Amino acid sequence: MSDIGWLFVYGLLSSYCLAGCLSEHFAIMPGWRYVGAGEFHEVHVAQGNGLGFVYVIPKIALTVFIGALFFIAPSTIPRELLWVSAGLLAVSWVSSFVLQFPIQTRIRDHKTTALIERLYRTDWIRVAAMAGHNGVVWFVIHRALAQ
C-alpha cells in the first residue's frame, strides 16, 4: 500500500470511530432517560447490538490497524505520534471496560436515571480520548503530507 493509502485508512477509520463515539454519547445515551423501565432492556439490547456493528467492530479494526502500523508504517508516520495515538485509543478502551460496560450492565438489569447520569458523566473520558486520538491522527496526516 502507498504512503497515502496508509494515511487515508488511518484517518478514515479514526474519524469513523470518533463519529460512532459521539453518536453514542450525544444521540443514544441521552434518549435512554425517556425509555420506560418495562421496555428499556429490549431497547438497550437492540441499540447495543447495532452499536457493536457500526462502532465497536470498526474500533477493533482501528486498534489492529494501529498495531500493524508499528511494524509496517511508512517512515512518514512518526513513531512517537503513533504511540500517542495508540495510547489515547487505549484510554478509550480502558474507560469502556472499566467504567462504561459495568454501568451499562447494571442499567440493562435495572434502569435508573442516576445510573444513566453516571454513565453519561464517566463517558466523557472515552469521548475526550477518542477526540484526542483523532486530533493526533489528523496532525500526523498533515505532517506527513507536508513533507
C-alpha atoms as a PDB file:
ATOM      1  CA  MET A   1       0.000   0.000   0.000  1.00  0.00           C
ATOM      2  CA  SER A   2       1.256   3.501  -0.741  1.00  0.00           C
ATOM      3  CA  ASP A   3       2.062   6.027   1.983  1.00  0.00           C
ATOM      4  CA  ILE A   4      -1.077   7.959   1.045  1.00  0.00           C
ATOM      5  CA  GLY A   5      -3.113   4.751   1.294  1.00  0.00           C
ATOM      6  CA  TRP A   6      -1.913   4.073   4.845  1.00  0.00           C
ATOM      7  CA  LEU A   7      -2.682   7.649   5.852  1.00  0.00           C
ATOM      8  CA  PHE A   8      -6.110   7.507   4.199  1.00  0.00           C
ATOM      9  CA  VAL A   9      -7.132   4.333   6.037  1.00  0.00           C
ATOM     10  CA  TYR A  10      -5.711   5.672   9.323  1.00  0.00           C
ATOM     11  CA  GLY A  11      -7.664   8.923   9.020  1.00  0.00           C
ATOM     12  CA  LEU A  12     -10.841   7.308   7.743  1.00  0.00           C
ATOM     13  CA  LEU A  13     -11.036   4.640  10.453  1.00  0.00           C
ATOM     14  CA  SER A  14     -10.181   7.152  13.176  1.00  0.00           C
ATOM     15  CA  SER A  15     -12.775   9.670  12.046  1.00  0.00           C
ATOM     16  CA  TYR A  16     -15.410   6.983  11.615  1.00  0.00           C
ATOM     17  CA  CYS A  17     -14.784   5.712  15.153  1.00  0.00           C
ATOM     18  CA  LEU A  18     -14.953   9.235  16.565  1.00  0.00           C
ATOM     19  CA  ALA A  19     -18.304   9.702  14.816  1.00  0.00           C
ATOM     20  CA  GLY A  20     -19.578   6.449  16.360  1.00  0.00           C
ATOM     21  CA  CYS A  21     -18.388   7.502  19.803  1.00  0.00           C
ATOM     22  CA  LEU A  22     -20.022  10.931  19.502  1.00  0.00           C
ATOM     23  CA  SER A  23     -23.263   9.414  18.199  1.00  0.00           C
ATOM     24  CA  GLU A  24     -23.469   7.062  21.144  1.00  0.00           C
ATOM     25  CA  HIS A  25     -22.685   9.821  23.630  1.00  0.00           C
ATOM     26  CA  PHE A  26     -24.876  12.608  22.245  1.00  0.00           C
ATOM     27  CA  ALA A  27     -27.685  10.765  20.430  1.00  0.00           C
ATOM     28  CA  ILE A  28     -28.215   7.391  22.072  1.00  0.00           C
ATOM     29  CA  MET A  29     -27.424   7.695  25.790  1.00  0.00           C
ATOM     30  CA  PRO A  30     -29.499  10.849  26.444  1.00  0.00           C
ATOM     31  CA  GLY A  31     -32.560   9.162  24.922  1.00  0.00           C
ATOM     32  CA  TRP A  32     -32.422   6.367  27.483  1.00  0.00           C
ATOM     33  CA  ARG A  33     -33.896   8.727  30.079  1.00  0.00           C
ATOM     34  CA  TYR A  34     -37.173   8.658  28.142  1.00  0.00           C
ATOM     35  CA  VAL A  35     -37.499   4.905  27.642  1.00  0.00           C
ATOM     36  CA  GLY A  36     -39.788   3.225  30.150  1.00  0.00           C
ATOM     37  CA  ALA A  37     -38.343   0.670  32.539  1.00  0.00           C
ATOM     38  CA  GLY A  38     -40.520  -2.075  31.038  1.00  0.00           C
ATOM     39  CA  GLU A  39     -39.129  -1.707  27.535  1.00  0.00           C
ATOM     40  CA  PHE A  40     -35.646  -0.473  28.416  1.00  0.00           C
ATOM     41  CA  HIS A  41     -33.957  -3.884  28.410  1.00  0.00           C
ATOM     42  CA  GLU A  42     -35.085  -4.631  24.853  1.00  0.00           C
ATOM     43  CA  VAL A  43     -34.148  -1.137  23.629  1.00  0.00           C
ATOM     44  CA  HIS A  44     -30.732  -1.348  25.276  1.00  0.00           C
ATOM     45  CA  VAL A  45     -30.014  -4.773  23.786  1.00  0.00           C
ATOM     46  CA  ALA A  46     -31.128  -3.699  20.294  1.00  0.00           C
ATOM     47  CA  GLN A  47     -29.082  -0.500  20.390  1.00  0.00           C
ATOM     48  CA  GLY A  48     -26.096  -2.330  21.857  1.00  0.00           C
ATOM     49  CA  ASN A  49     -26.169  -4.865  19.026  1.00  0.00           C
ATOM     50  CA  GLY A  50     -26.397  -2.077  16.467  1.00  0.00           C
ATOM     51  CA  LEU A  51     -23.530  -0.175  18.053  1.00  0.00           C
ATOM     52  CA  GLY A  52     -21.468  -3.333  18.029  1.00  0.00           C
ATOM     53  CA  PHE A  53     -21.663  -3.458  14.253  1.00  0.00           C
ATOM     54  CA  VAL A  54     -21.319   0.229  13.461  1.00  0.00           C
ATOM     55  CA  TYR A  55     -18.875   1.324  16.186  1.00  0.00           C
ATOM     56  CA  VAL A  56     -17.227  -1.467  18.182  1.00  0.00           C
ATOM     57  CA  ILE A  57     -16.151  -3.652  15.251  1.00  0.00           C
ATOM     58  CA  PRO A  58     -14.603  -0.673  13.391  1.00  0.00           C
ATOM     59  CA  LYS A  59     -12.882   0.381  16.635  1.00  0.00           C
ATOM     60  CA  ILE A  60     -11.403  -3.107  16.934  1.00  0.00           C
ATOM     61  CA  ALA A  61     -10.259  -2.807  13.304  1.00  0.00           C
ATOM     62  CA  LEU A  62      -8.682   0.575  14.123  1.00  0.00           C
ATOM     63  CA  THR A  63      -6.861  -0.942  17.087  1.00  0.00           C
ATOM     64  CA  VAL A  64      -5.496  -3.783  14.933  1.00  0.00           C
ATOM     65  CA  PHE A  65      -4.593  -1.316  12.186  1.00  0.00           C
ATOM     66  CA  ILE A  66      -2.580   0.844  14.596  1.00  0.00           C
ATOM     67  CA  GLY A  67      -0.826  -2.283  15.858  1.00  0.00           C
ATOM     68  CA  ALA A  68       0.076  -3.130  12.265  1.00  0.00           C
ATOM     69  CA  LEU A  69       1.333   0.400  11.673  1.00  0.00           C
ATOM     70  CA  PHE A  70       4.013  -0.141  14.316  1.00  0.00           C
ATOM     71  CA  PHE A  71       5.505  -2.814  12.074  1.00  0.00           C
ATOM     72  CA  ILE A  72       4.742  -1.731   8.535  1.00  0.00           C
ATOM     73  CA  ALA A  73       4.025   2.008   8.642  1.00  0.00           C
ATOM     74  CA  PRO A  74       5.778   4.236   6.173  1.00  0.00           C
ATOM     75  CA  SER A  75       8.539   6.428   7.547  1.00  0.00           C
ATOM     76  CA  THR A  76       6.279   9.456   7.060  1.00  0.00           C
ATOM     77  CA  ILE A  77       4.315   8.398  10.164  1.00  0.00           C
ATOM     78  CA  PRO A  78       6.357   9.434  13.217  1.00  0.00           C
ATOM     79  CA  ARG A  79       6.574   6.605  15.758  1.00  0.00           C
ATOM     80  CA  GLU A  80       6.239   8.916  18.773  1.00  0.00           C
ATOM     81  CA  LEU A  81       2.914  10.270  17.477  1.00  0.00           C
ATOM     82  CA  LEU A  82       1.775   6.751  16.666  1.00  0.00           C
ATOM     83  CA  TRP A  83       2.403   5.894  20.329  1.00  0.00           C
ATOM     84  CA  VAL A  84       0.340   8.908  21.422  1.00  0.00           C
ATOM     85  CA  SER A  85      -2.453   7.852  19.070  1.00  0.00           C
ATOM     86  CA  ALA A  86      -2.349   4.267  20.378  1.00  0.00           C
ATOM     87  CA  GLY A  87      -2.219   5.494  23.982  1.00  0.00           C
ATOM     88  CA  LEU A  88      -5.336   7.625  23.596  1.00  0.00           C
ATOM     89  CA  LEU A  89      -7.139   4.749  21.919  1.00  0.00           C
ATOM     90  CA  ALA A  90      -6.074   2.528  24.835  1.00  0.00           C
ATOM     91  CA  VAL A  91      -7.510   5.062  27.308  1.00  0.00           C
ATOM     92  CA  SER A  92     -10.780   4.853  25.417  1.00  0.00           C
ATOM     93  CA  TRP A  93     -10.796   1.036  25.632  1.00  0.00           C
ATOM     94  CA  VAL A  94      -9.877   1.023  29.327  1.00  0.00           C
ATOM     95  CA  SER A  95     -12.628   3.540  30.058  1.00  0.00           C
ATOM     96  CA  SER A  96     -15.099   1.328  28.182  1.00  0.00           C
ATOM     97  CA  PHE A  97     -14.139  -1.856  30.023  1.00  0.00           C
ATOM     98  CA  VAL A  98     -13.612  -0.380  33.495  1.00  0.00           C
ATOM     99  CA  LEU A  99     -16.354   2.255  33.628  1.00  0.00           C
ATOM    100  CA  GLN A 100     -18.935   2.123  30.855  1.00  0.00           C
ATOM    101  CA  PHE A 101     -19.516  -1.633  30.441  1.00  0.00           C
ATOM    102  CA  PRO A 102     -20.118  -2.318  34.167  1.00  0.00           C
ATOM    103  CA  ILE A 103     -22.522   0.633  34.420  1.00  0.00           C
ATOM    104  CA  GLN A 104     -24.320  -0.451  31.244  1.00  0.00           C
ATOM    105  CA  THR A 105     -24.707  -3.972  32.625  1.00  0.00           C
ATOM    106  CA  ARG A 106     -26.324  -2.551  35.752  1.00  0.00           C
ATOM    107  CA  ILE A 107     -28.553  -0.242  33.695  1.00  0.00           C
ATOM    108  CA  ARG A 108     -29.656  -3.127  31.472  1.00  0.00           C
ATOM    109  CA  ASP A 109     -30.700  -5.116  34.559  1.00  0.00           C
ATOM    110  CA  HIS A 110     -32.290  -2.208  36.425  1.00  0.00           C
ATOM    111  CA  LYS A 111     -32.653   1.156  34.698  1.00  0.00           C
ATOM    112  CA  THR A 112     -32.366   4.209  36.912  1.00  0.00           C
ATOM    113  CA  THR A 113     -31.884   7.836  35.965  1.00  0.00           C
ATOM    114  CA  ALA A 114     -28.955   8.017  38.405  1.00  0.00           C
ATOM    115  CA  LEU A 115     -27.125   5.200  36.594  1.00  0.00           C
ATOM    116  CA  ILE A 116     -27.762   6.799  33.206  1.00  0.00           C
ATOM    117  CA  GLU A 117     -26.429  10.124  34.508  1.00  0.00           C
ATOM    118  CA  ARG A 118     -23.359   8.378  35.949  1.00  0.00           C
ATOM    119  CA  LEU A 119     -22.728   6.610  32.639  1.00  0.00           C
ATOM    120  CA  TYR A 120     -23.046   9.885  30.747  1.00  0.00           C
ATOM    121  CA  ARG A 121     -20.653  11.692  33.113  1.00  0.00           C
ATOM    122  CA  THR A 122     -17.993   8.982  33.028  1.00  0.00           C
ATOM    123  CA  ASP A 123     -18.335   8.589  29.252  1.00  0.00           C
ATOM    124  CA  TRP A 124     -16.606  11.945  28.791  1.00  0.00           C
ATOM    125  CA  ILE A 125     -13.302  10.153  29.429  1.00  0.00           C
ATOM    126  CA  ARG A 126     -13.889   7.925  26.416  1.00  0.00           C
ATOM    127  CA  VAL A 127     -15.177  10.798  24.288  1.00  0.00           C
ATOM    128  CA  ALA A 128     -12.177  13.003  25.128  1.00  0.00           C
ATOM    129  CA  ALA A 129      -9.748  10.152  24.455  1.00  0.00           C
ATOM    130  CA  MET A 130     -11.307   9.433  21.055  1.00  0.00           C
ATOM    131  CA  ALA A 131     -11.363  13.130  20.138  1.00  0.00           C
ATOM    132  CA  GLY A 132      -7.724  13.471  21.209  1.00  0.00           C
ATOM    133  CA  HIS A 133      -6.811  10.358  19.249  1.00  0.00           C
ATOM    134  CA  ASN A 134      -8.498  11.736  16.142  1.00  0.00           C
ATOM    135  CA  GLY A 135      -6.717  15.075  16.575  1.00  0.00           C
ATOM    136  CA  VAL A 136      -3.348  13.311  16.759  1.00  0.00           C
ATOM    137  CA  VAL A 137      -4.183  11.254  13.663  1.00  0.00           C
ATOM    138  CA  TRP A 138      -5.006  14.335  11.626  1.00  0.00           C
ATOM    139  CA  PHE A 139      -1.864  16.061  12.878  1.00  0.00           C
ATOM    140  CA  VAL A 140       0.114  13.014  11.707  1.00  0.00           C
ATOM    141  CA  ILE A 141      -1.603  13.137   8.325  1.00  0.00           C
ATOM    142  CA  HIS A 142      -0.983  16.878   7.947  1.00  0.00           C
ATOM    143  CA  ARG A 143       2.667  16.479   8.944  1.00  0.00           C
ATOM    144  CA  ALA A 144       3.190  13.517   6.608  1.00  0.00           C
ATOM    145  CA  LEU A 145       1.625  15.285   3.636  1.00  0.00           C
ATOM    146  CA  ALA A 146       3.655  18.455   4.290  1.00  0.00           C
ATOM    147  CA  GLN A 147       6.931  16.545   3.901  1.00  0.00           C
END
